[in-house]
Amino acid sequence: MLTKIMAVVAFVVLPFSVSLWHKSHHRPEHYRFDVTLYKSLRIYLKDGICGLHLLNMPKKTAAASEYRAPLQRNPVEIQSDFALSSTRQGPYRITWLVFPFWFSTAALAAAVCVPVIRGPLRRLWRKSRGWCEECGYNLRGNRSGVCPECGTRFRGSAILS
């Protein structure tokens, strides 16, 4: 059930990821969000690269105006690079996460495909082990042709051994 929920969420988010990928090539963007009173998140989008800059502040400042950190690293200079770094500058902690958009788009597309592929693979796995394809009950030695757990009919000749 969880994989299906994740697949639906990925299916909804996938067009958003593709549109951000497209937008990053045509019109670079910079967004700033105050996540909490202690954290500020900046998002940089340029040339298919996404850079996330998270600033942890030691005291409550909603606007983060007292701390204007110069960028220690330009997140969009490196093409198709993965980077994760965390540094401390005095009482502040700065965390960078840089990744290409093709990675997030591919991960979302894979998450959409998981439930579609998982069902047939599970049935094949259970059949090869001699289990009921529906519920996974061990059917070895069962000669009735019906699963005692769920009542599903099966071909007993392949599983009698």
N, C-alpha and C. Protein backbone atom coordinates (compact mmCIF):
# COMPACT_ATOMS: atom_id res chain seq x y z
N MET A 1 0.82 -1.19 0.00
CA MET A 1 0.00 0.00 0.00
C MET A 1 0.87 1.26 0.00
N LEU A 2 1.96 1.23 0.77
CA LEU A 2 2.85 2.38 0.83
C LEU A 2 3.50 2.66 -0.52
N THR A 3 3.86 1.60 -1.24
CA THR A 3 4.48 1.81 -2.56
C THR A 3 3.49 2.44 -3.53
N LYS A 4 2.21 2.08 -3.40
CA LYS A 4 1.21 2.68 -4.28
C LYS A 4 1.01 4.17 -3.96
N ILE A 5 1.02 4.50 -2.68
CA ILE A 5 0.88 5.90 -2.30
C ILE A 5 2.09 6.69 -2.79
N MET A 6 3.29 6.12 -2.62
CA MET A 6 4.49 6.79 -3.10
C MET A 6 4.47 6.95 -4.62
N ALA A 7 3.93 5.95 -5.32
CA ALA A 7 3.85 6.03 -6.78
C ALA A 7 2.89 7.13 -7.21
N VAL A 8 1.77 7.28 -6.53
CA VAL A 8 0.81 8.33 -6.87
C VAL A 8 1.43 9.70 -6.61
N VAL A 9 2.11 9.85 -5.48
CA VAL A 9 2.77 11.13 -5.17
C VAL A 9 3.85 11.42 -6.22
N ALA A 10 4.63 10.42 -6.59
CA ALA A 10 5.67 10.61 -7.60
C ALA A 10 5.05 10.97 -8.95
N PHE A 11 3.91 10.37 -9.26
CA PHE A 11 3.22 10.66 -10.52
C PHE A 11 2.74 12.11 -10.55
N VAL A 12 2.32 12.62 -9.39
CA VAL A 12 1.86 14.01 -9.31
C VAL A 12 3.05 14.97 -9.36
N VAL A 13 4.16 14.62 -8.74
CA VAL A 13 5.33 15.51 -8.65
C VAL A 13 6.19 15.46 -9.92
N LEU A 14 6.11 14.37 -10.68
CA LEU A 14 6.95 14.19 -11.87
C LEU A 14 6.81 15.34 -12.88
N PRO A 15 5.60 15.77 -13.25
CA PRO A 15 5.52 16.91 -14.18
C PRO A 15 6.13 18.20 -13.61
N PHE A 16 6.02 18.39 -12.32
CA PHE A 16 6.63 19.56 -11.68
C PHE A 16 8.15 19.51 -11.82
N SER A 17 8.73 18.33 -11.62
CA SER A 17 10.18 18.17 -11.75
C SER A 17 10.62 18.43 -13.19
N VAL A 18 9.87 17.90 -14.14
CA VAL A 18 10.22 18.12 -15.54
C VAL A 18 10.10 19.60 -15.91
N SER A 19 9.06 20.27 -15.39
CA SER A 19 8.91 21.69 -15.71
C SER A 19 10.03 22.52 -15.08
N LEU A 20 10.46 22.17 -13.87
CA LEU A 20 11.59 22.88 -13.26
C LEU A 20 12.87 22.63 -14.05
N TRP A 21 13.05 21.43 -14.52
CA TRP A 21 14.22 21.09 -15.34
C TRP A 21 14.23 21.98 -16.58
N HIS A 22 13.08 22.06 -17.26
CA HIS A 22 12.97 22.88 -18.46
C HIS A 22 13.19 24.35 -18.13
N LYS A 23 12.58 24.81 -17.05
CA LYS A 23 12.68 26.21 -16.65
C LYS A 23 14.11 26.59 -16.29
N SER A 24 14.85 25.66 -15.68
CA SER A 24 16.22 25.96 -15.27
C SER A 24 17.14 26.21 -16.46
N HIS A 25 16.81 25.64 -17.61
CA HIS A 25 17.62 25.86 -18.81
C HIS A 25 17.29 27.18 -19.48
N HIS A 26 16.04 27.59 -19.41
CA HIS A 26 15.62 28.78 -20.14
C HIS A 26 15.63 30.06 -19.31
N ARG A 27 15.36 29.91 -18.02
CA ARG A 27 15.32 31.09 -17.16
C ARG A 27 15.77 30.69 -15.76
N PRO A 28 17.06 30.86 -15.45
CA PRO A 28 17.55 30.50 -14.12
C PRO A 28 16.78 31.22 -13.03
N GLU A 29 16.58 30.54 -11.92
CA GLU A 29 15.77 31.08 -10.83
C GLU A 29 16.51 30.95 -9.50
N HIS A 30 16.07 31.77 -8.54
CA HIS A 30 16.58 31.71 -7.18
C HIS A 30 15.39 31.95 -6.26
N TYR A 31 15.12 31.01 -5.37
CA TYR A 31 14.01 31.13 -4.43
C TYR A 31 14.54 31.11 -3.00
N ARG A 32 13.83 31.77 -2.10
CA ARG A 32 14.20 31.75 -0.69
C ARG A 32 12.97 31.50 0.15
N PHE A 33 13.08 30.53 1.06
CA PHE A 33 11.97 30.17 1.94
C PHE A 33 12.46 30.14 3.38
N ASP A 34 11.67 30.65 4.30
CA ASP A 34 11.95 30.49 5.72
C ASP A 34 11.23 29.23 6.17
N VAL A 35 11.99 28.17 6.39
CA VAL A 35 11.41 26.88 6.75
C VAL A 35 10.86 26.95 8.17
N THR A 36 11.69 27.38 9.10
CA THR A 36 11.27 27.64 10.47
C THR A 36 11.92 28.95 10.89
N LEU A 37 11.76 29.31 12.14
CA LEU A 37 12.42 30.54 12.61
C LEU A 37 13.93 30.36 12.69
N TYR A 38 14.38 29.10 12.70
CA TYR A 38 15.81 28.81 12.82
C TYR A 38 16.45 28.41 11.49
N LYS A 39 15.64 28.15 10.48
CA LYS A 39 16.19 27.64 9.22
C LYS A 39 15.70 28.45 8.03
N SER A 40 16.60 28.70 7.12
CA SER A 40 16.28 29.39 5.87
C SER A 40 16.78 28.52 4.72
N LEU A 41 15.95 28.34 3.69
CA LEU A 41 16.30 27.50 2.55
C LEU A 41 16.32 28.34 1.30
N ARG A 42 17.42 28.26 0.57
CA ARG A 42 17.53 28.91 -0.73
C ARG A 42 17.67 27.83 -1.79
N ILE A 43 16.95 28.02 -2.88
CA ILE A 43 16.97 27.06 -3.99
C ILE A 43 17.48 27.78 -5.23
N TYR A 44 18.49 27.19 -5.86
CA TYR A 44 19.08 27.75 -7.07
C TYR A 44 18.82 26.77 -8.21
N LEU A 45 18.28 27.27 -9.32
CA LEU A 45 18.01 26.44 -10.49
C LEU A 45 18.70 27.06 -11.69
N LYS A 46 19.60 26.32 -12.31
CA LYS A 46 20.28 26.83 -13.50
C LYS A 46 20.89 25.67 -14.27
N ASP A 47 20.68 25.67 -15.58
CA ASP A 47 21.28 24.70 -16.50
C ASP A 47 21.06 23.25 -16.08
N GLY A 48 19.88 22.93 -15.60
CA GLY A 48 19.56 21.55 -15.24
C GLY A 48 20.11 21.11 -13.91
N ILE A 49 20.65 22.02 -13.13
CA ILE A 49 21.22 21.71 -11.83
C ILE A 49 20.38 22.39 -10.75
N CYS A 50 20.14 21.68 -9.67
CA CYS A 50 19.42 22.24 -8.53
C CYS A 50 20.38 22.31 -7.35
N GLY A 51 20.47 23.47 -6.74
CA GLY A 51 21.30 23.66 -5.56
C GLY A 51 20.44 24.07 -4.39
N LEU A 52 20.51 23.33 -3.30
CA LEU A 52 19.76 23.65 -2.09
C LEU A 52 20.74 24.13 -1.03
N HIS A 53 20.50 25.31 -0.49
CA HIS A 53 21.37 25.93 0.49
C HIS A 53 20.55 26.11 1.76
N LEU A 54 20.82 25.30 2.78
CA LEU A 54 20.08 25.36 4.04
C LEU A 54 20.94 26.04 5.09
N LEU A 55 20.39 27.08 5.70
CA LEU A 55 21.10 27.85 6.71
C LEU A 55 20.44 27.60 8.06
N ASN A 56 21.18 27.02 9.01
CA ASN A 56 20.69 26.84 10.38
C ASN A 56 21.24 27.97 11.24
N MET A 57 20.33 28.72 11.85
CA MET A 57 20.73 29.87 12.66
C MET A 57 20.59 29.54 14.14
N PRO A 58 21.43 30.09 15.00
CA PRO A 58 21.41 29.73 16.42
C PRO A 58 20.24 30.34 17.20
N LYS A 59 19.65 31.40 16.68
CA LYS A 59 18.52 32.01 17.40
C LYS A 59 17.43 32.36 16.39
N LYS A 60 16.26 32.66 16.91
CA LYS A 60 15.12 32.92 16.06
C LYS A 60 15.28 34.23 15.29
N THR A 61 15.36 34.12 13.97
CA THR A 61 15.30 35.29 13.10
C THR A 61 14.52 34.86 11.87
N ALA A 62 13.31 35.27 11.79
CA ALA A 62 12.46 34.83 10.70
C ALA A 62 12.95 35.33 9.35
N ALA A 63 13.52 36.52 9.31
CA ALA A 63 13.92 37.08 8.04
C ALA A 63 15.36 36.75 7.67
N ALA A 64 16.12 36.23 8.60
CA ALA A 64 17.54 35.91 8.37
C ALA A 64 18.30 37.13 7.89
N SER A 65 17.85 38.30 8.30
CA SER A 65 18.48 39.52 7.80
C SER A 65 19.80 39.81 8.50
N GLU A 66 19.98 39.30 9.73
CA GLU A 66 21.24 39.60 10.40
C GLU A 66 22.39 38.79 9.83
N TYR A 67 22.09 37.74 9.10
CA TYR A 67 23.16 36.92 8.57
C TYR A 67 23.03 36.83 7.05
N ARG A 68 23.87 37.49 6.36
CA ARG A 68 23.90 37.42 4.90
C ARG A 68 25.18 36.68 4.52
N ALA A 69 25.07 35.38 4.42
CA ALA A 69 26.25 34.57 4.15
C ALA A 69 26.65 34.72 2.69
N PRO A 70 27.91 35.04 2.44
CA PRO A 70 28.36 34.99 1.05
C PRO A 70 28.40 33.52 0.61
N LEU A 71 28.05 33.28 -0.63
CA LEU A 71 28.04 31.91 -1.09
C LEU A 71 29.45 31.36 -1.11
N GLN A 72 29.67 30.30 -0.37
CA GLN A 72 30.98 29.67 -0.33
C GLN A 72 31.23 28.86 -1.60
N ARG A 73 30.16 28.50 -2.26
CA ARG A 73 30.28 27.65 -3.43
C ARG A 73 29.10 27.96 -4.33
N ASN A 74 29.38 28.14 -5.60
CA ASN A 74 28.29 28.35 -6.54
C ASN A 74 27.73 26.98 -6.91
N PRO A 75 26.49 26.69 -6.58
CA PRO A 75 25.97 25.34 -6.77
C PRO A 75 25.74 24.99 -8.23
N VAL A 76 25.74 25.95 -9.10
CA VAL A 76 25.39 25.65 -10.48
C VAL A 76 26.57 25.76 -11.44
N GLU A 77 27.78 25.93 -10.92
CA GLU A 77 28.95 25.98 -11.80
C GLU A 77 29.26 24.61 -12.37
N ILE A 78 29.11 23.57 -11.57
CA ILE A 78 29.51 22.23 -11.97
C ILE A 78 28.33 21.55 -12.65
N GLN A 79 28.52 21.12 -13.86
CA GLN A 79 27.45 20.45 -14.59
C GLN A 79 27.41 18.97 -14.23
N SER A 80 26.21 18.45 -14.05
CA SER A 80 25.94 17.04 -13.73
C SER A 80 26.82 16.53 -12.59
N ASP A 81 26.81 17.27 -11.49
CA ASP A 81 27.61 16.92 -10.34
C ASP A 81 26.71 16.72 -9.13
N PHE A 82 27.04 15.75 -8.32
CA PHE A 82 26.36 15.54 -7.05
C PHE A 82 27.26 16.07 -5.96
N ALA A 83 26.72 16.83 -5.05
CA ALA A 83 27.55 17.34 -3.96
C ALA A 83 26.69 17.50 -2.72
N LEU A 84 27.27 17.14 -1.60
CA LEU A 84 26.65 17.36 -0.31
C LEU A 84 27.75 17.83 0.62
N SER A 85 27.58 19.02 1.17
CA SER A 85 28.58 19.53 2.10
C SER A 85 27.90 20.31 3.21
N SER A 86 28.54 20.30 4.35
CA SER A 86 28.02 21.03 5.49
C SER A 86 29.20 21.68 6.20
N THR A 87 29.12 22.98 6.37
CA THR A 87 30.21 23.70 7.03
C THR A 87 29.64 24.57 8.14
N ARG A 88 30.51 24.93 9.06
CA ARG A 88 30.11 25.79 10.16
C ARG A 88 30.88 27.10 10.02
N GLN A 89 30.15 28.20 10.09
CA GLN A 89 30.76 29.53 10.07
C GLN A 89 30.30 30.23 11.34
N GLY A 90 31.13 30.19 12.36
CA GLY A 90 30.75 30.75 13.65
C GLY A 90 29.59 29.94 14.22
N PRO A 91 28.53 30.59 14.64
CA PRO A 91 27.40 29.86 15.20
C PRO A 91 26.44 29.32 14.14
N TYR A 92 26.72 29.57 12.88
CA TYR A 92 25.81 29.17 11.81
C TYR A 92 26.29 27.91 11.12
N ARG A 93 25.37 27.04 10.72
CA ARG A 93 25.71 25.85 9.94
C ARG A 93 25.08 26.00 8.57
N ILE A 94 25.91 25.82 7.55
CA ILE A 94 25.45 25.95 6.16
C ILE A 94 25.58 24.58 5.50
N THR A 95 24.49 24.11 4.91
CA THR A 95 24.48 22.81 4.24
C THR A 95 24.11 23.02 2.78
N TRP A 96 24.90 22.43 1.90
CA TRP A 96 24.65 22.47 0.45
C TRP A 96 24.28 21.09 -0.03
N LEU A 97 23.28 21.00 -0.88
CA LEU A 97 22.96 19.78 -1.61
C LEU A 97 22.79 20.18 -3.06
N VAL A 98 23.62 19.63 -3.93
CA VAL A 98 23.58 19.95 -5.35
C VAL A 98 23.37 18.65 -6.11
N PHE A 99 22.41 18.65 -7.04
CA PHE A 99 22.16 17.47 -7.86
C PHE A 99 21.57 17.90 -9.20
N PRO A 100 21.77 17.10 -10.23
CA PRO A 100 21.16 17.42 -11.52
C PRO A 100 19.68 17.01 -11.53
N PHE A 101 18.89 17.75 -12.28
CA PHE A 101 17.46 17.46 -12.34
C PHE A 101 17.16 16.12 -13.00
N TRP A 102 18.03 15.64 -13.88
CA TRP A 102 17.75 14.35 -14.51
C TRP A 102 17.70 13.26 -13.45
N PHE A 103 18.46 13.42 -12.37
CA PHE A 103 18.47 12.42 -11.32
C PHE A 103 17.12 12.37 -10.59
N SER A 104 16.60 13.54 -10.23
CA SER A 104 15.30 13.55 -9.53
C SER A 104 14.18 13.09 -10.45
N THR A 105 14.25 13.45 -11.72
CA THR A 105 13.22 13.02 -12.67
C THR A 105 13.27 11.51 -12.87
N ALA A 106 14.46 10.95 -12.97
CA ALA A 106 14.59 9.50 -13.13
C ALA A 106 14.13 8.76 -11.88
N ALA A 107 14.44 9.30 -10.70
CA ALA A 107 13.99 8.67 -9.46
C ALA A 107 12.47 8.70 -9.34
N LEU A 108 11.85 9.80 -9.71
CA LEU A 108 10.38 9.88 -9.67
C LEU A 108 9.75 8.93 -10.68
N ALA A 109 10.33 8.83 -11.89
CA ALA A 109 9.80 7.92 -12.90
C ALA A 109 9.93 6.47 -12.43
N ALA A 110 11.03 6.14 -11.77
CA ALA A 110 11.20 4.78 -11.23
C ALA A 110 10.18 4.50 -10.13
N ALA A 111 9.92 5.49 -9.29
CA ALA A 111 8.93 5.31 -8.22
C ALA A 111 7.53 5.09 -8.78
N VAL A 112 7.23 5.70 -9.92
CA VAL A 112 5.93 5.49 -10.56
C VAL A 112 5.82 4.05 -11.08
N CYS A 113 6.93 3.50 -11.56
CA CYS A 113 6.92 2.16 -12.16
C CYS A 113 6.94 1.02 -11.14
N VAL A 114 7.30 1.29 -9.90
CA VAL A 114 7.46 0.22 -8.91
C VAL A 114 6.20 -0.63 -8.74
N PRO A 115 5.01 -0.07 -8.50
CA PRO A 115 3.84 -0.93 -8.33
C PRO A 115 3.46 -1.71 -9.58
N VAL A 116 3.75 -1.14 -10.75
CA VAL A 116 3.42 -1.82 -11.99
C VAL A 116 4.28 -3.06 -12.18
N ILE A 117 5.53 -2.97 -11.78
CA ILE A 117 6.47 -4.08 -11.96
C ILE A 117 6.43 -5.04 -10.78
N ARG A 118 6.14 -4.52 -9.61
CA ARG A 118 6.20 -5.33 -8.38
C ARG A 118 5.19 -6.48 -8.36
N GLY A 119 3.96 -6.24 -8.81
CA GLY A 119 2.92 -7.27 -8.78
C GLY A 119 3.28 -8.51 -9.59
N PRO A 120 3.59 -8.37 -10.89
CA PRO A 120 3.96 -9.55 -11.67
C PRO A 120 5.22 -10.24 -11.15
N LEU A 121 6.20 -9.48 -10.68
CA LEU A 121 7.41 -10.10 -10.14
C LEU A 121 7.11 -10.89 -8.87
N ARG A 122 6.23 -10.36 -8.02
CA ARG A 122 5.86 -11.07 -6.80
C ARG A 122 5.14 -12.38 -7.14
N ARG A 123 4.23 -12.33 -8.11
CA ARG A 123 3.52 -13.55 -8.50
C ARG A 123 4.48 -14.59 -9.08
N LEU A 124 5.41 -14.17 -9.91
CA LEU A 124 6.40 -15.09 -10.48
C LEU A 124 7.27 -15.69 -9.38
N TRP A 125 7.70 -14.87 -8.43
CA TRP A 125 8.52 -15.34 -7.32
C TRP A 125 7.76 -16.37 -6.48
N ARG A 126 6.52 -16.07 -6.14
CA ARG A 126 5.73 -16.99 -5.33
C ARG A 126 5.47 -18.29 -6.07
N LYS A 127 5.17 -18.21 -7.35
CA LYS A 127 4.90 -19.43 -8.13
C LYS A 127 6.14 -20.31 -8.20
N SER A 128 7.31 -19.71 -8.37
CA SER A 128 8.54 -20.50 -8.45
C SER A 128 8.89 -21.15 -7.11
N ARG A 129 8.46 -20.58 -6.01
CA ARG A 129 8.72 -21.13 -4.68
C ARG A 129 7.67 -22.15 -4.24
N GLY A 130 6.57 -22.24 -4.99
CA GLY A 130 5.52 -23.18 -4.60
C GLY A 130 4.55 -22.58 -3.61
N TRP A 131 4.40 -21.27 -3.64
CA TRP A 131 3.48 -20.58 -2.75
C TRP A 131 2.27 -20.13 -3.53
N CYS A 132 1.20 -19.80 -2.80
CA CYS A 132 0.01 -19.25 -3.43
C CYS A 132 0.36 -17.90 -4.04
N GLU A 133 -0.07 -17.68 -5.28
CA GLU A 133 0.26 -16.43 -5.95
C GLU A 133 -0.46 -15.24 -5.34
N GLU A 134 -1.58 -15.44 -4.68
CA GLU A 134 -2.35 -14.34 -4.11
C GLU A 134 -1.89 -13.97 -2.70
N CYS A 135 -1.78 -14.98 -1.81
CA CYS A 135 -1.51 -14.66 -0.40
C CYS A 135 -0.13 -15.09 0.08
N GLY A 136 0.58 -15.91 -0.67
CA GLY A 136 1.92 -16.33 -0.28
C GLY A 136 1.95 -17.56 0.63
N TYR A 137 0.85 -18.25 0.78
CA TYR A 137 0.80 -19.46 1.62
C TYR A 137 1.58 -20.59 0.94
N ASN A 138 2.33 -21.37 1.73
CA ASN A 138 3.12 -22.47 1.20
C ASN A 138 2.18 -23.60 0.77
N LEU A 139 2.18 -23.91 -0.55
CA LEU A 139 1.27 -24.91 -1.09
C LEU A 139 1.95 -26.23 -1.41
N ARG A 140 3.19 -26.42 -1.04
CA ARG A 140 3.86 -27.69 -1.33
C ARG A 140 3.17 -28.81 -0.58
N GLY A 141 2.86 -29.84 -1.30
CA GLY A 141 2.18 -30.99 -0.72
C GLY A 141 0.67 -30.87 -0.77
N ASN A 142 0.14 -29.76 -1.14
CA ASN A 142 -1.31 -29.57 -1.23
C ASN A 142 -1.81 -30.20 -2.52
N ARG A 143 -2.72 -31.16 -2.43
CA ARG A 143 -3.21 -31.86 -3.61
C ARG A 143 -4.64 -31.47 -3.97
N SER A 144 -5.24 -30.60 -3.20
CA SER A 144 -6.64 -30.23 -3.45
C SER A 144 -6.79 -29.25 -4.62
N GLY A 145 -5.74 -28.50 -4.93
CA GLY A 145 -5.83 -27.52 -6.00
C GLY A 145 -6.42 -26.20 -5.55
N VAL A 146 -6.65 -26.04 -4.23
CA VAL A 146 -7.20 -24.81 -3.67
C VAL A 146 -6.33 -24.39 -2.49
N CYS A 147 -6.02 -23.13 -2.42
CA CYS A 147 -5.24 -22.62 -1.30
C CYS A 147 -6.10 -22.64 -0.04
N PRO A 148 -5.65 -23.27 1.04
CA PRO A 148 -6.45 -23.30 2.26
C PRO A 148 -6.54 -21.94 2.96
N GLU A 149 -5.64 -21.04 2.63
CA GLU A 149 -5.63 -19.73 3.28
C GLU A 149 -6.62 -18.76 2.66
N CYS A 150 -6.60 -18.64 1.31
CA CYS A 150 -7.44 -17.64 0.65
C CYS A 150 -8.47 -18.24 -0.30
N GLY A 151 -8.38 -19.51 -0.61
CA GLY A 151 -9.36 -20.17 -1.47
C GLY A 151 -9.09 -20.03 -2.96
N THR A 152 -7.92 -19.53 -3.35
CA THR A 152 -7.58 -19.37 -4.76
C THR A 152 -7.24 -20.72 -5.37
N ARG A 153 -7.77 -20.98 -6.57
CA ARG A 153 -7.45 -22.23 -7.28
C ARG A 153 -6.07 -22.09 -7.93
N PHE A 154 -5.35 -23.22 -7.97
CA PHE A 154 -4.05 -23.23 -8.60
C PHE A 154 -3.86 -24.57 -9.29
N ARG A 155 -2.89 -24.61 -10.15
CA ARG A 155 -2.59 -25.87 -10.84
C ARG A 155 -1.63 -26.66 -9.94
N GLY A 156 -2.12 -27.71 -9.41
CA GLY A 156 -1.35 -28.49 -8.43
C GLY A 156 -0.21 -29.27 -9.01
N SER A 157 -0.24 -29.57 -10.31
CA SER A 157 0.80 -30.42 -10.89
C SER A 157 2.19 -29.77 -10.81
N ALA A 158 2.26 -28.45 -10.89
CA ALA A 158 3.56 -27.77 -10.88
C ALA A 158 4.11 -27.61 -9.47
N ILE A 159 3.27 -27.78 -8.46
CA ILE A 159 3.73 -27.47 -7.11
C ILE A 159 3.73 -28.69 -6.20
N LEU A 160 3.50 -29.86 -6.69
CA LEU A 160 3.38 -31.02 -5.82
C LEU A 160 4.70 -31.47 -5.23
N SER A 161 5.81 -31.10 -5.82
CA SER A 161 7.11 -31.58 -5.30
C SER A 161 7.49 -30.90 -4.02
